[in-house]
């Protein structure tokens, strides 16, 4: 009793006796979509394909490392009895904020190496980040993790959710908030808005795509984090809610700083490639 036979098996198939998990497949898909979005815009901005690949490759690697380190740091008690489980990343346990921090540091370092404008490369990367997050959350869905508190089945049915989502949220006989879905949809709306508004030269200025992400994601994550049952804490405070507030404040501050520059405002959607491939203005 309490078993849910309609739940999706987290293992998609076996390859030469090794289990291949949906979590890994979905993360791989997220990376692929992010790669396409990043390289297309980077090419338009004058960054060659080899440099784009290096940027994305190392950003993904250290982003994943950062995501794992962040999670382990704030869940250290869970790993004291079994330290080797730190390396079993396929079981889940990745924190998006850690990935963002690790990825941002990597981009900054590589921009110094390739003499690229840091703020412009950050802007270029934002749609890929949105896409990666909205797809990656479905990996949490497959693992039945990163969910919210208990709800009734009727509550989920009233949301007009497909049955496979409702049943996957049935864990040991209890239904839970599909917070993975809330965050995925929030990021999808943010990505669509960004892609629709980005080509308008009178809308986003250089650096404001980064600010948009900080504000948009920060607001959504703050609310969604309040619903979750697996939050990482510092004392009584949820770490992700603290970081969400910090993101929103920094994002608003960045917009104000950019706009107060007045005549020096630079449209993001410009054909002036020198602003990206040179580091002269930073």
Protein backbone atom coordinates (compact mmCIF):
# COMPACT_ATOMS: atom_id res chain seq x y z
CA UNK A 1 0.00 0.00 0.00
CA UNK A 2 1.27 3.49 -0.81
CA UNK A 3 3.23 2.33 -3.83
CA UNK A 4 2.62 4.22 -7.05
CA UNK A 5 2.93 1.85 -9.98
CA UNK A 6 2.18 4.68 -12.44
CA UNK A 7 5.33 6.60 -11.50
CA UNK A 8 8.01 6.89 -14.17
CA UNK A 9 11.11 4.77 -13.66
CA UNK A 10 14.10 7.13 -13.21
CA UNK A 11 16.19 4.68 -15.24
CA UNK A 12 15.45 5.09 -18.96
CA UNK A 13 17.39 2.04 -20.14
CA UNK A 14 20.60 0.09 -19.61
CA UNK A 15 23.67 0.36 -21.80
CA UNK A 16 26.14 -2.53 -21.51
CA UNK A 17 24.76 -3.24 -18.07
CA UNK A 18 25.01 0.37 -16.89
CA UNK A 19 21.78 2.20 -16.03
CA UNK A 20 21.14 5.36 -18.03
CA UNK A 21 18.95 7.71 -16.03
CA UNK A 22 16.39 10.17 -17.32
CA UNK A 23 18.07 12.79 -15.14
CA UNK A 24 21.28 12.56 -17.15
CA UNK A 25 19.45 12.47 -20.48
CA UNK A 26 17.49 15.60 -19.63
CA UNK A 27 20.57 17.46 -18.41
CA UNK A 28 22.25 16.51 -21.68
CA UNK A 29 19.28 17.88 -23.63
CA UNK A 30 19.40 21.09 -21.60
CA UNK A 31 23.09 21.51 -22.46
CA UNK A 32 22.40 20.88 -26.17
CA UNK A 33 19.62 23.47 -26.38
CA UNK A 34 21.75 25.94 -24.43
CA UNK A 35 24.63 25.32 -26.83
CA UNK A 36 22.44 26.09 -29.85
CA UNK A 37 21.08 29.31 -28.35
CA UNK A 38 24.49 30.48 -27.18
CA UNK A 39 26.47 29.73 -30.34
CA UNK A 40 23.89 31.31 -32.66
CA UNK A 41 23.90 34.59 -30.80
CA UNK A 42 27.65 34.48 -30.21
CA UNK A 43 28.18 34.06 -33.96
CA UNK A 44 25.94 37.04 -34.68
CA UNK A 45 28.02 39.03 -32.23
CA UNK A 46 31.26 38.08 -33.96
CA UNK A 47 32.59 35.34 -31.68
CA UNK A 48 34.08 32.48 -33.69
CA UNK A 49 32.82 28.91 -33.26
CA UNK A 50 35.96 27.59 -31.55
CA UNK A 51 35.83 30.31 -28.91
CA UNK A 52 32.09 29.76 -28.43
CA UNK A 53 32.66 26.06 -27.90
CA UNK A 54 35.44 26.67 -25.37
CA UNK A 55 33.30 29.18 -23.49
CA UNK A 56 30.32 26.87 -23.29
CA UNK A 57 32.28 23.67 -22.64
CA UNK A 58 34.19 25.00 -19.64
CA UNK A 59 31.19 26.96 -18.37
CA UNK A 60 29.09 23.79 -18.36
CA UNK A 61 31.84 21.75 -16.69
CA UNK A 62 32.50 24.22 -13.89
CA UNK A 63 28.82 25.09 -13.68
CA UNK A 64 28.04 21.44 -12.90
CA UNK A 65 30.94 21.30 -10.43
CA UNK A 66 29.67 24.48 -8.78
CA UNK A 67 26.13 23.10 -8.61
CA UNK A 68 27.35 19.97 -6.85
CA UNK A 69 29.73 21.75 -4.47
CA UNK A 70 27.03 24.24 -3.47
CA UNK A 71 24.59 21.42 -2.72
CA UNK A 72 27.14 19.40 -0.75
CA UNK A 73 28.23 22.42 1.32
CA UNK A 74 24.69 23.16 2.47
CA UNK A 75 23.79 19.48 2.88
CA UNK A 76 27.05 18.38 4.51
CA UNK A 77 25.33 16.31 7.21
CA UNK A 78 23.82 14.07 4.53
CA UNK A 79 27.26 13.10 3.26
CA UNK A 80 29.18 12.60 6.51
CA UNK A 81 28.15 8.95 6.82
CA UNK A 82 28.83 8.20 3.15
CA UNK A 83 31.38 10.66 1.68
CA UNK A 84 31.65 8.73 -1.60
CA UNK A 85 28.01 9.58 -2.34
CA UNK A 86 29.26 13.10 -3.13
CA UNK A 87 30.38 11.74 -6.49
CA UNK A 88 27.09 10.00 -7.34
CA UNK A 89 25.71 13.00 -9.18
CA UNK A 90 23.37 10.88 -11.29
CA UNK A 91 21.22 10.42 -8.20
CA UNK A 92 20.49 14.15 -8.13
CA UNK A 93 21.66 16.78 -5.70
CA UNK A 94 22.59 19.73 -7.90
CA UNK A 95 21.85 23.32 -6.88
CA UNK A 96 21.08 25.79 -9.65
CA UNK A 97 22.52 28.77 -7.80
CA UNK A 98 25.81 26.94 -7.40
CA UNK A 99 25.80 26.25 -11.12
CA UNK A 100 25.12 29.90 -11.93
CA UNK A 101 27.94 31.05 -9.65
CA UNK A 102 30.38 28.48 -11.04
CA UNK A 103 29.42 29.31 -14.61
CA UNK A 104 29.66 33.06 -14.09
CA UNK A 105 33.15 32.80 -12.61
CA UNK A 106 34.23 30.61 -15.54
CA UNK A 107 32.89 33.07 -18.12
CA UNK A 108 34.68 35.93 -16.39
CA UNK A 109 38.01 34.08 -16.41
CA UNK A 110 37.67 33.00 -20.04
CA UNK A 111 36.69 36.50 -21.17
CA UNK A 112 40.00 37.75 -19.80
CA UNK A 113 41.81 35.04 -21.76
CA UNK A 114 40.01 35.70 -25.04
CA UNK A 115 39.80 39.48 -24.53
CA UNK A 116 36.02 39.55 -24.69
CA UNK A 117 33.61 41.97 -23.09
CA UNK A 118 32.43 40.21 -19.94
CA UNK A 119 29.05 41.93 -19.74
CA UNK A 120 28.29 41.21 -23.39
CA UNK A 121 29.13 37.52 -23.05
CA UNK A 122 26.93 37.36 -19.96
CA UNK A 123 24.11 38.91 -22.00
CA UNK A 124 24.64 36.39 -24.79
CA UNK A 125 24.52 33.51 -22.30
CA UNK A 126 21.26 34.45 -20.56
CA UNK A 127 18.81 32.79 -23.01
CA UNK A 128 20.88 29.60 -22.84
CA UNK A 129 20.74 29.76 -19.04
CA UNK A 130 16.96 30.18 -19.06
CA UNK A 131 16.59 27.24 -21.47
CA UNK A 132 18.94 25.04 -19.48
CA UNK A 133 17.05 25.67 -16.27
CA UNK A 134 13.58 25.17 -17.71
CA UNK A 135 14.58 21.85 -19.29
CA UNK A 136 16.79 20.71 -16.43
CA UNK A 137 13.95 20.92 -13.91
CA UNK A 138 12.33 17.97 -15.65
CA UNK A 139 15.26 15.89 -14.45
CA UNK A 140 14.07 16.66 -10.92
CA UNK A 141 10.61 15.54 -12.00
CA UNK A 142 11.95 12.17 -13.14
CA UNK A 143 13.78 11.73 -9.82
CA UNK A 144 10.72 12.84 -7.84
CA UNK A 145 12.76 15.51 -6.08
CA UNK A 146 12.71 19.30 -5.63
CA UNK A 147 8.97 19.15 -5.01
CA UNK A 148 6.83 21.20 -2.67
CA UNK A 149 4.68 20.31 0.30
CA UNK A 150 1.76 17.87 0.36
CA UNK A 151 -1.41 18.68 -1.59
CA UNK A 152 -4.50 16.73 -2.51
CA UNK A 153 -4.91 14.92 -5.81
CA UNK A 154 -7.92 17.15 -6.47
CA UNK A 155 -5.68 20.22 -6.17
CA UNK A 156 -3.42 18.89 -8.92
CA UNK A 157 -6.39 17.90 -11.08
CA UNK A 158 -7.79 21.42 -10.74
CA UNK A 159 -4.53 22.72 -12.25
CA UNK A 160 -5.48 20.77 -15.41
CA UNK A 161 -2.18 18.90 -15.30
CA UNK A 162 -1.59 15.83 -17.47
CA UNK A 163 -2.10 12.59 -15.60
CA UNK A 164 1.56 11.56 -15.91
CA UNK A 165 2.60 14.66 -13.94
CA UNK A 166 -0.07 14.10 -11.30
CA UNK A 167 0.97 10.49 -10.80
CA UNK A 168 4.68 11.32 -10.71
CA UNK A 169 3.88 13.71 -7.87
CA UNK A 170 2.42 10.77 -5.94
CA UNK A 171 5.32 9.76 -3.72
CA UNK A 172 4.69 6.96 -1.23
CA UNK A 173 0.97 7.61 -1.38
CA UNK A 174 1.14 11.39 -0.88
CA UNK A 175 0.75 14.02 -3.60
CA UNK A 176 3.05 17.03 -3.64
CA UNK A 177 3.30 20.50 -5.21
CA UNK A 178 5.02 20.13 -8.62
CA UNK A 179 7.40 23.00 -7.90
CA UNK A 180 9.69 21.74 -10.65
CA UNK A 181 6.89 22.58 -13.09
CA UNK A 182 6.25 26.02 -11.59
CA UNK A 183 9.90 26.93 -12.02
CA UNK A 184 10.14 25.40 -15.49
CA UNK A 185 7.13 27.40 -16.71
CA UNK A 186 8.40 30.57 -15.03
CA UNK A 187 11.69 30.22 -16.89
CA UNK A 188 9.85 29.45 -20.14
CA UNK A 189 7.86 32.68 -19.89
CA UNK A 190 11.07 34.57 -19.09
CA UNK A 191 12.84 33.04 -22.09
CA UNK A 192 9.99 33.83 -24.49
CA UNK A 193 9.80 37.42 -23.24
CA UNK A 194 13.55 37.79 -23.62
CA UNK A 195 13.64 36.43 -27.16
CA UNK A 196 10.72 38.64 -28.23
CA UNK A 197 12.12 41.82 -26.69
CA UNK A 198 15.82 41.28 -27.42
CA UNK A 199 15.74 42.37 -31.10
CA UNK A 200 14.19 45.74 -30.19
CA UNK A 201 17.07 48.18 -30.11
CA UNK A 202 15.05 50.61 -28.00
CA UNK A 203 14.41 48.09 -25.23
CA UNK A 204 17.41 46.23 -23.80
CA UNK A 205 20.66 48.07 -23.31
CA UNK A 206 23.97 46.31 -22.87
CA UNK A 207 23.99 44.52 -19.53
CA UNK A 208 20.23 44.55 -19.12
CA UNK A 209 19.69 40.95 -20.23
CA UNK A 210 21.72 39.95 -17.19
CA UNK A 211 19.64 42.30 -15.04
CA UNK A 212 16.41 40.90 -16.50
CA UNK A 213 17.47 37.38 -15.55
CA UNK A 214 18.41 38.43 -12.03
CA UNK A 215 15.09 40.15 -11.43
CA UNK A 216 12.84 37.65 -13.20
CA UNK A 217 14.41 34.48 -11.86
CA UNK A 218 14.97 35.97 -8.41
CA UNK A 219 11.28 36.86 -7.99
CA UNK A 220 10.05 33.49 -9.22
CA UNK A 221 12.56 31.45 -7.25
CA UNK A 222 11.83 33.33 -4.02
CA UNK A 223 8.16 32.39 -4.21
CA UNK A 224 8.71 28.82 -5.41
CA UNK A 225 11.40 28.14 -2.79
CA UNK A 226 8.85 28.95 -0.10
CA UNK A 227 6.78 25.97 -1.27
CA UNK A 228 9.61 23.44 -1.29
CA UNK A 229 10.35 20.89 1.40
CA UNK A 230 14.01 20.23 0.55
CA UNK A 231 15.42 23.74 0.88
CA UNK A 232 19.02 24.25 1.97
CA UNK A 233 19.27 26.35 5.13
CA UNK A 234 21.60 28.66 7.00
CA UNK A 235 20.10 28.50 10.47
CA UNK A 236 16.38 29.27 10.04
CA UNK A 237 16.82 30.97 6.66
CA UNK A 238 16.40 29.34 3.27
CA UNK A 239 19.62 29.90 1.33
CA UNK A 240 17.92 30.16 -2.06
CA UNK A 241 15.47 32.79 -0.83
CA UNK A 242 18.34 34.88 0.50
CA UNK A 243 20.17 34.61 -2.83
CA UNK A 244 16.96 35.37 -4.71
CA UNK A 245 16.54 38.65 -2.84
CA UNK A 246 20.19 39.50 -3.47
CA UNK A 247 19.73 38.79 -7.19
CA UNK A 248 16.68 41.05 -7.43
CA UNK A 249 18.41 43.91 -5.61
CA UNK A 250 21.54 43.61 -7.76
CA UNK A 251 19.43 43.36 -10.92
CA UNK A 252 17.46 46.50 -10.11
CA UNK A 253 20.66 48.29 -9.14
CA UNK A 254 22.28 47.27 -12.43
CA UNK A 255 19.37 48.65 -14.47
CA UNK A 256 19.47 51.93 -12.55
CA UNK A 257 23.24 52.21 -13.01
CA UNK A 258 22.98 51.49 -16.75
CA UNK A 259 20.14 53.96 -17.30
CA UNK A 260 21.81 56.69 -15.27
CA UNK A 261 24.71 56.61 -17.73
CA UNK A 262 22.43 58.57 -20.07
CA UNK A 263 24.12 59.31 -23.38
CA UNK A 264 26.48 56.34 -23.02
CA UNK A 265 23.63 53.83 -23.28
CA UNK A 266 24.51 51.06 -25.71
CA UNK A 267 21.69 48.97 -27.26
CA UNK A 268 22.26 45.26 -26.77
CA UNK A 269 20.98 44.37 -30.22
CA UNK A 270 23.63 46.11 -32.26
CA UNK A 271 25.75 45.08 -35.22
CA UNK A 272 28.85 46.71 -33.71
CA UNK A 273 30.83 43.53 -33.07
CA UNK A 274 33.85 45.34 -31.70
CA UNK A 275 32.01 45.86 -28.44
CA UNK A 276 31.99 42.10 -27.92
CA UNK A 277 35.29 40.91 -29.32
CA UNK A 278 37.35 43.61 -27.64
CA UNK A 279 37.84 44.24 -23.97
CA UNK A 280 38.68 47.89 -24.41
CA UNK A 281 35.58 49.28 -22.75
CA UNK A 282 35.75 47.35 -19.48
